[in-house]
PDB file of N, CA and C in Angstrom:
ATOM      1  N   MET A   1     -10.063 -13.301  10.283  1.00  0.00           N
ATOM      2  CA  MET A   1     -10.699 -11.998  10.164  1.00  0.00           C
ATOM      3  C   MET A   1     -11.440 -11.890   8.829  1.00  0.00           C
ATOM      4  N   ALA A   2     -12.397 -11.047   8.795  1.00  0.00           N
ATOM      5  CA  ALA A   2     -13.162 -10.843   7.570  1.00  0.00           C
ATOM      6  C   ALA A   2     -12.353 -10.008   6.594  1.00  0.00           C
ATOM      7  N   LYS A   3     -12.537 -10.303   5.333  1.00  0.00           N
ATOM      8  CA  LYS A   3     -11.830  -9.548   4.301  1.00  0.00           C
ATOM      9  C   LYS A   3     -12.412  -8.137   4.228  1.00  0.00           C
ATOM     10  N   GLU A   4     -11.527  -7.163   4.106  1.00  0.00           N
ATOM     11  CA  GLU A   4     -11.951  -5.764   4.063  1.00  0.00           C
ATOM     12  C   GLU A   4     -12.521  -5.454   2.675  1.00  0.00           C
ATOM     13  N   ASN A   5     -13.762  -4.986   2.620  1.00  0.00           N
ATOM     14  CA  ASN A   5     -14.376  -4.612   1.350  1.00  0.00           C
ATOM     15  C   ASN A   5     -14.023  -3.170   1.042  1.00  0.00           C
ATOM     16  N   ARG A   6     -13.528  -2.950  -0.183  1.00  0.00           N
ATOM     17  CA  ARG A   6     -13.150  -1.599  -0.593  1.00  0.00           C
ATOM     18  C   ARG A   6     -13.959  -1.215  -1.828  1.00  0.00           C
ATOM     19  N   PRO A   7     -14.260   0.067  -1.963  1.00  0.00           N
ATOM     20  CA  PRO A   7     -14.939   0.516  -3.172  1.00  0.00           C
ATOM     21  C   PRO A   7     -14.035   0.332  -4.393  1.00  0.00           C
ATOM     22  N   PRO A   8     -14.597   0.165  -5.578  1.00  0.00           N
ATOM     23  CA  PRO A   8     -13.783  -0.027  -6.786  1.00  0.00           C
ATOM     24  C   PRO A   8     -12.840   1.141  -7.040  1.00  0.00           C
ATOM     25  N   PHE A   9     -13.265   2.364  -6.727  1.00  0.00           N
ATOM     26  CA  PHE A   9     -12.402   3.516  -6.972  1.00  0.00           C
ATOM     27  C   PHE A   9     -11.139   3.434  -6.129  1.00  0.00           C
ATOM     28  N   ASP A  10     -11.261   2.985  -4.873  1.00  0.00           N
ATOM     29  CA  ASP A  10     -10.085   2.849  -4.019  1.00  0.00           C
ATOM     30  C   ASP A  10      -9.114   1.818  -4.577  1.00  0.00           C
ATOM     31  N   SER A  11      -9.638   0.712  -5.077  1.00  0.00           N
ATOM     32  CA  SER A  11      -8.744  -0.303  -5.630  1.00  0.00           C
ATOM     33  C   SER A  11      -8.069   0.220  -6.898  1.00  0.00           C
ATOM     34  N   PHE A  12      -8.745   1.058  -7.687  1.00  0.00           N
ATOM     35  CA  PHE A  12      -8.119   1.651  -8.865  1.00  0.00           C
ATOM     36  C   PHE A  12      -7.068   2.672  -8.460  1.00  0.00           C
ATOM     37  N   LEU A  13      -7.407   3.534  -7.505  1.00  0.00           N
ATOM     38  CA  LEU A  13      -6.520   4.614  -7.115  1.00  0.00           C
ATOM     39  C   LEU A  13      -5.300   4.105  -6.369  1.00  0.00           C
ATOM     40  N   PHE A  14      -5.491   3.210  -5.427  1.00  0.00           N
ATOM     41  CA  PHE A  14      -4.398   2.749  -4.577  1.00  0.00           C
ATOM     42  C   PHE A  14      -3.872   1.379  -4.979  1.00  0.00           C
ATOM     43  N   GLY A  15      -4.496   0.723  -5.919  1.00  0.00           N
ATOM     44  CA  GLY A  15      -4.082  -0.613  -6.320  1.00  0.00           C
ATOM     45  C   GLY A  15      -4.625  -1.656  -5.357  1.00  0.00           C
ATOM     46  N   ASN A  16      -4.521  -2.879  -5.747  1.00  0.00           N
ATOM     47  CA  ASN A  16      -4.963  -3.966  -4.875  1.00  0.00           C
ATOM     48  C   ASN A  16      -3.837  -4.259  -3.895  1.00  0.00           C
ATOM     49  N   ARG A  17      -4.008  -3.862  -2.655  1.00  0.00           N
ATOM     50  CA  ARG A  17      -2.981  -4.068  -1.647  1.00  0.00           C
ATOM     51  C   ARG A  17      -3.182  -5.434  -1.003  1.00  0.00           C
ATOM     52  N   PRO A  18      -2.177  -6.277  -1.092  1.00  0.00           N
ATOM     53  CA  PRO A  18      -2.307  -7.582  -0.447  1.00  0.00           C
ATOM     54  C   PRO A  18      -2.235  -7.452   1.069  1.00  0.00           C
ATOM     55  N   SER A  19      -2.788  -8.442   1.756  1.00  0.00           N
ATOM     56  CA  SER A  19      -2.834  -8.371   3.217  1.00  0.00           C
ATOM     57  C   SER A  19      -1.488  -8.697   3.849  1.00  0.00           C
ATOM     58  N   SER A  20      -0.618  -9.398   3.129  1.00  0.00           N
ATOM     59  CA  SER A  20       0.698  -9.708   3.689  1.00  0.00           C
ATOM     60  C   SER A  20       1.785  -9.406   2.657  1.00  0.00           C
ATOM     61  N   PRO A  21       3.002  -9.094   3.108  1.00  0.00           N
ATOM     62  CA  PRO A  21       4.090  -8.770   2.181  1.00  0.00           C
ATOM     63  C   PRO A  21       4.494  -9.952   1.307  1.00  0.00           C
ATOM     64  N   GLN A  22       4.284 -11.182   1.767  1.00  0.00           N
ATOM     65  CA  GLN A  22       4.651 -12.346   0.977  1.00  0.00           C
ATOM     66  C   GLN A  22       3.823 -12.418  -0.299  1.00  0.00           C
ATOM     67  N   LYS A  23       2.564 -12.047  -0.210  1.00  0.00           N
ATOM     68  CA  LYS A  23       1.711 -12.067  -1.394  1.00  0.00           C
ATOM     69  C   LYS A  23       2.138 -10.988  -2.382  1.00  0.00           C
ATOM     70  N   ALA A  24       2.623  -9.870  -1.893  1.00  0.00           N
ATOM     71  CA  ALA A  24       3.034  -8.775  -2.759  1.00  0.00           C
ATOM     72  C   ALA A  24       4.211  -9.186  -3.633  1.00  0.00           C
ATOM     73  N   GLU A  25       5.110  -9.969  -3.097  1.00  0.00           N
ATOM     74  CA  GLU A  25       6.277 -10.384  -3.868  1.00  0.00           C
ATOM     75  C   GLU A  25       5.904 -11.413  -4.931  1.00  0.00           C
ATOM     76  N   SER A  26       4.976 -12.289  -4.620  1.00  0.00           N
ATOM     77  CA  SER A  26       4.641 -13.362  -5.548  1.00  0.00           C
ATOM     78  C   SER A  26       3.673 -12.925  -6.642  1.00  0.00           C
ATOM     79  N   SER A  27       2.853 -11.914  -6.386  1.00  0.00           N
ATOM     80  CA  SER A  27       1.874 -11.495  -7.393  1.00  0.00           C
ATOM     81  C   SER A  27       2.472 -10.438  -8.311  1.00  0.00           C
ATOM     82  N   GLU A  28       2.064 -10.493  -9.575  1.00  0.00           N
ATOM     83  CA  GLU A  28       2.533  -9.521 -10.553  1.00  0.00           C
ATOM     84  C   GLU A  28       1.511  -8.389 -10.676  1.00  0.00           C
ATOM     85  N   THR A  29       1.961  -7.267 -11.200  1.00  0.00           N
ATOM     86  CA  THR A  29       1.075  -6.129 -11.414  1.00  0.00           C
ATOM     87  C   THR A  29       0.169  -6.437 -12.603  1.00  0.00           C
ATOM     88  N   PRO A  30      -1.143  -6.325 -12.429  1.00  0.00           N
ATOM     89  CA  PRO A  30      -2.046  -6.601 -13.554  1.00  0.00           C
ATOM     90  C   PRO A  30      -1.928  -5.504 -14.614  1.00  0.00           C
ATOM     91  N   LYS A  31      -2.107  -5.899 -15.853  1.00  0.00           N
ATOM     92  CA  LYS A  31      -2.052  -4.934 -16.960  1.00  0.00           C
ATOM     93  C   LYS A  31      -3.321  -4.093 -16.934  1.00  0.00           C
ATOM     94  N   THR A  32      -3.169  -2.809 -17.242  1.00  0.00           N
ATOM     95  CA  THR A  32      -4.304  -1.895 -17.261  1.00  0.00           C
ATOM     96  C   THR A  32      -4.917  -1.880 -18.652  1.00  0.00           C
ATOM     97  N   ASP A  33      -6.225  -2.006 -18.694  1.00  0.00           N
ATOM     98  CA  ASP A  33      -6.952  -1.945 -19.957  1.00  0.00           C
ATOM     99  C   ASP A  33      -7.321  -0.485 -20.210  1.00  0.00           C
ATOM    100  N   TRP A  34      -6.411   0.258 -20.845  1.00  0.00           N
ATOM    101  CA  TRP A  34      -6.584   1.705 -21.007  1.00  0.00           C
ATOM    102  C   TRP A  34      -7.824   2.082 -21.810  1.00  0.00           C
ATOM    103  N   PRO A  35      -8.147   1.426 -22.921  1.00  0.00           N
ATOM    104  CA  PRO A  35      -9.376   1.811 -23.638  1.00  0.00           C
ATOM    105  C   PRO A  35     -10.631   1.658 -22.785  1.00  0.00           C
ATOM    106  N   ALA A  36     -10.718   0.586 -22.017  1.00  0.00           N
ATOM    107  CA  ALA A  36     -11.888   0.393 -21.159  1.00  0.00           C
ATOM    108  C   ALA A  36     -11.916   1.434 -20.053  1.00  0.00           C
ATOM    109  N   LEU A  37     -10.742   1.765 -19.511  1.00  0.00           N
ATOM    110  CA  LEU A  37     -10.667   2.771 -18.459  1.00  0.00           C
ATOM    111  C   LEU A  37     -11.100   4.140 -18.988  1.00  0.00           C
ATOM    112  N   LEU A  38     -10.611   4.514 -20.160  1.00  0.00           N
ATOM    113  CA  LEU A  38     -11.001   5.797 -20.746  1.00  0.00           C
ATOM    114  C   LEU A  38     -12.497   5.834 -21.064  1.00  0.00           C
ATOM    115  N   HIS A  39     -13.051   4.714 -21.473  1.00  0.00           N
ATOM    116  CA  HIS A  39     -14.491   4.640 -21.735  1.00  0.00           C
ATOM    117  C   HIS A  39     -15.278   4.882 -20.443  1.00  0.00           C
ATOM    118  N   GLU A  40     -14.834   4.280 -19.350  1.00  0.00           N
ATOM    119  CA  GLU A  40     -15.501   4.482 -18.057  1.00  0.00           C
ATOM    120  C   GLU A  40     -15.369   5.933 -17.591  1.00  0.00           C
ATOM    121  N   VAL A  41     -14.202   6.540 -17.793  1.00  0.00           N
ATOM    122  CA  VAL A  41     -14.004   7.942 -17.415  1.00  0.00           C
ATOM    123  C   VAL A  41     -14.930   8.834 -18.229  1.00  0.00           C
ATOM    124  N   ASN A  42     -15.063   8.553 -19.512  1.00  0.00           N
ATOM    125  CA  ASN A  42     -15.941   9.341 -20.372  1.00  0.00           C
ATOM    126  C   ASN A  42     -17.395   9.220 -19.926  1.00  0.00           C
ATOM    127  N   LYS A  43     -17.837   8.011 -19.593  1.00  0.00           N
ATOM    128  CA  LYS A  43     -19.210   7.819 -19.112  1.00  0.00           C
ATOM    129  C   LYS A  43     -19.431   8.546 -17.790  1.00  0.00           C
ATOM    130  N   THR A  44     -18.433   8.501 -16.920  1.00  0.00           N
ATOM    131  CA  THR A  44     -18.552   9.177 -15.626  1.00  0.00           C
ATOM    132  C   THR A  44     -18.638  10.681 -15.827  1.00  0.00           C
ATOM    133  N   TRP A  45     -17.780  11.237 -16.689  1.00  0.00           N
ATOM    134  CA  TRP A  45     -17.807  12.677 -16.927  1.00  0.00           C
ATOM    135  C   TRP A  45     -19.138  13.105 -17.533  1.00  0.00           C
ATOM    136  N   ASP A  46     -19.655  12.304 -18.458  1.00  0.00           N
ATOM    137  CA  ASP A  46     -20.951  12.632 -19.059  1.00  0.00           C
ATOM    138  C   ASP A  46     -22.058  12.678 -18.008  1.00  0.00           C
ATOM    139  N   SER A  47     -21.960  11.847 -16.996  1.00  0.00           N
ATOM    140  CA  SER A  47     -23.014  11.830 -15.986  1.00  0.00           C
ATOM    141  C   SER A  47     -22.868  12.947 -14.955  1.00  0.00           C
ATOM    142  N   ILE A  48     -21.634  13.387 -14.668  1.00  0.00           N
ATOM    143  CA  ILE A  48     -21.457  14.424 -13.644  1.00  0.00           C
ATOM    144  C   ILE A  48     -21.233  15.813 -14.224  1.00  0.00           C
ATOM    145  N   SER A  49     -21.020  15.922 -15.526  1.00  0.00           N
ATOM    146  CA  SER A  49     -20.735  17.235 -16.114  1.00  0.00           C
ATOM    147  C   SER A  49     -21.859  18.253 -15.915  1.00  0.00           C
ATOM    148  N   PRO A  50     -23.157  17.874 -15.950  1.00  0.00           N
ATOM    149  CA  PRO A  50     -24.193  18.884 -15.699  1.00  0.00           C
ATOM    150  C   PRO A  50     -24.091  19.508 -14.302  1.00  0.00           C
ATOM    151  N   MET A  51     -23.531  18.784 -13.351  1.00  0.00           N
ATOM    152  CA  MET A  51     -23.379  19.330 -11.999  1.00  0.00           C
ATOM    153  C   MET A  51     -22.090  20.137 -11.858  1.00  0.00           C
ATOM    154  N   VAL A  52     -21.052  19.748 -12.592  1.00  0.00           N
ATOM    155  CA  VAL A  52     -19.734  20.367 -12.433  1.00  0.00           C
ATOM    156  C   VAL A  52     -19.580  21.607 -13.302  1.00  0.00           C
ATOM    157  N   LYS A  53     -20.141  21.591 -14.504  1.00  0.00           N
ATOM    158  CA  LYS A  53     -19.950  22.719 -15.432  1.00  0.00           C
ATOM    159  C   LYS A  53     -20.399  24.071 -14.866  1.00  0.00           C
ATOM    160  N   PRO A  54     -21.540  24.174 -14.186  1.00  0.00           N
ATOM    161  CA  PRO A  54     -21.899  25.476 -13.617  1.00  0.00           C
ATOM    162  C   PRO A  54     -20.865  25.979 -12.599  1.00  0.00           C
ATOM    163  N   LEU A  55     -20.293  25.068 -11.847  1.00  0.00           N
ATOM    164  CA  LEU A  55     -19.259  25.473 -10.894  1.00  0.00           C
ATOM    165  C   LEU A  55     -18.010  25.965 -11.619  1.00  0.00           C
ATOM    166  N   LEU A  56     -17.628  25.283 -12.681  1.00  0.00           N
ATOM    167  CA  LEU A  56     -16.458  25.706 -13.438  1.00  0.00           C
ATOM    168  C   LEU A  56     -16.705  27.055 -14.110  1.00  0.00           C
ATOM    169  N   ASP A  57     -17.905  27.241 -14.660  1.00  0.00           N
ATOM    170  CA  ASP A  57     -18.236  28.513 -15.298  1.00  0.00           C
ATOM    171  C   ASP A  57     -18.217  29.655 -14.287  1.00  0.00           C
ATOM    172  N   LYS A  58     -18.607  29.368 -13.070  1.00  0.00           N
ATOM    173  CA  LYS A  58     -18.612  30.387 -12.026  1.00  0.00           C
ATOM    174  C   LYS A  58     -17.187  30.867 -11.727  1.00  0.00           C
ATOM    175  N   PHE A  59     -16.221  29.961 -11.746  1.00  0.00           N
ATOM    176  CA  PHE A  59     -14.841  30.329 -11.459  1.00  0.00           C
ATOM    177  C   PHE A  59     -14.129  30.942 -12.657  1.00  0.00           C
ATOM    178  N   LYS A  60     -14.661  30.760 -13.861  1.00  0.00           N
ATOM    179  CA  LYS A  60     -14.047  31.337 -15.050  1.00  0.00           C
ATOM    180  C   LYS A  60     -14.206  32.852 -15.079  1.00  0.00           C
ATOM    181  N   LYS A  61     -15.275  33.342 -14.455  1.00  0.00           N
ATOM    182  CA  LYS A  61     -15.561  34.778 -14.501  1.00  0.00           C
ATOM    183  C   LYS A  61     -14.566  35.582 -13.731  1.00  0.00           C
TER     184      LYS A  61
END
Protein backbone atom coordinates (compact mmCIF):
# COMPACT_ATOMS: atom_id res chain seq x y z
CA MET A 1 0.00 0.00 0.00
CA ALA A 2 1.06 3.57 -0.50
CA LYS A 3 2.33 5.49 2.47
CA GLU A 4 -0.23 7.92 3.85
CA ASN A 5 0.91 11.54 3.43
CA ARG A 6 0.03 13.75 6.38
CA PRO A 7 0.36 17.50 6.78
CA PRO A 8 3.20 18.64 9.09
CA PHE A 9 0.71 20.06 11.60
CA ASP A 10 -0.94 16.64 12.00
CA SER A 11 2.39 14.97 12.65
CA PHE A 12 3.19 17.65 15.27
CA LEU A 13 -0.23 17.48 16.92
CA PHE A 14 -0.72 13.72 16.91
CA GLY A 15 2.90 12.57 16.69
CA ASN A 16 4.36 10.25 14.12
CA ARG A 17 2.12 7.20 14.34
CA PRO A 18 3.80 4.06 13.10
CA SER A 19 1.86 1.76 10.80
CA SER A 20 2.35 -1.28 13.03
CA PRO A 21 2.58 -1.76 16.83
CA GLN A 22 5.96 -3.48 16.51
CA LYS A 23 7.52 -0.29 15.20
CA ALA A 24 6.04 1.70 18.07
CA GLU A 25 7.83 -0.42 20.64
CA SER A 26 11.21 -0.28 18.93
CA SER A 27 11.25 3.45 18.11
CA GLU A 28 11.98 6.08 20.74
CA THR A 29 10.19 9.39 21.13
CA PRO A 30 12.13 12.11 19.30
CA LYS A 31 13.28 15.08 21.37
CA THR A 32 11.39 18.31 20.74
CA ASP A 33 13.40 21.33 19.69
CA TRP A 34 11.48 23.89 21.77
CA PRO A 35 13.33 27.04 20.64
CA ALA A 36 12.75 26.18 16.98
CA LEU A 37 9.11 25.32 17.69
CA LEU A 38 8.52 28.62 19.50
CA HIS A 39 10.19 30.48 16.62
CA GLU A 40 7.80 28.81 14.15
CA VAL A 41 4.80 29.63 16.37
CA ASN A 42 5.91 33.26 16.55
CA LYS A 43 6.27 33.47 12.75
CA THR A 44 2.86 31.87 12.29
CA TRP A 45 1.20 34.27 14.74
CA ASP A 46 2.83 37.25 13.04
CA SER A 47 1.38 36.15 9.72
CA ILE A 48 -2.18 35.44 10.95
CA SER A 49 -2.53 38.13 13.63
CA PRO A 50 -3.87 40.80 11.19
CA MET A 51 -6.78 38.45 10.44
CA VAL A 52 -7.38 37.27 14.01
CA LYS A 53 -6.99 40.52 15.98
CA PRO A 54 -10.16 42.18 14.59
CA LEU A 55 -12.14 39.11 15.60
CA LEU A 56 -10.67 39.16 19.10
CA ASP A 57 -11.34 42.89 19.45
CA LYS A 58 -14.94 42.30 18.41
CA PHE A 59 -15.44 39.82 21.27
CA LYS A 60 -13.72 42.06 23.83
CA LYS A 61 -16.52 44.61 23.60
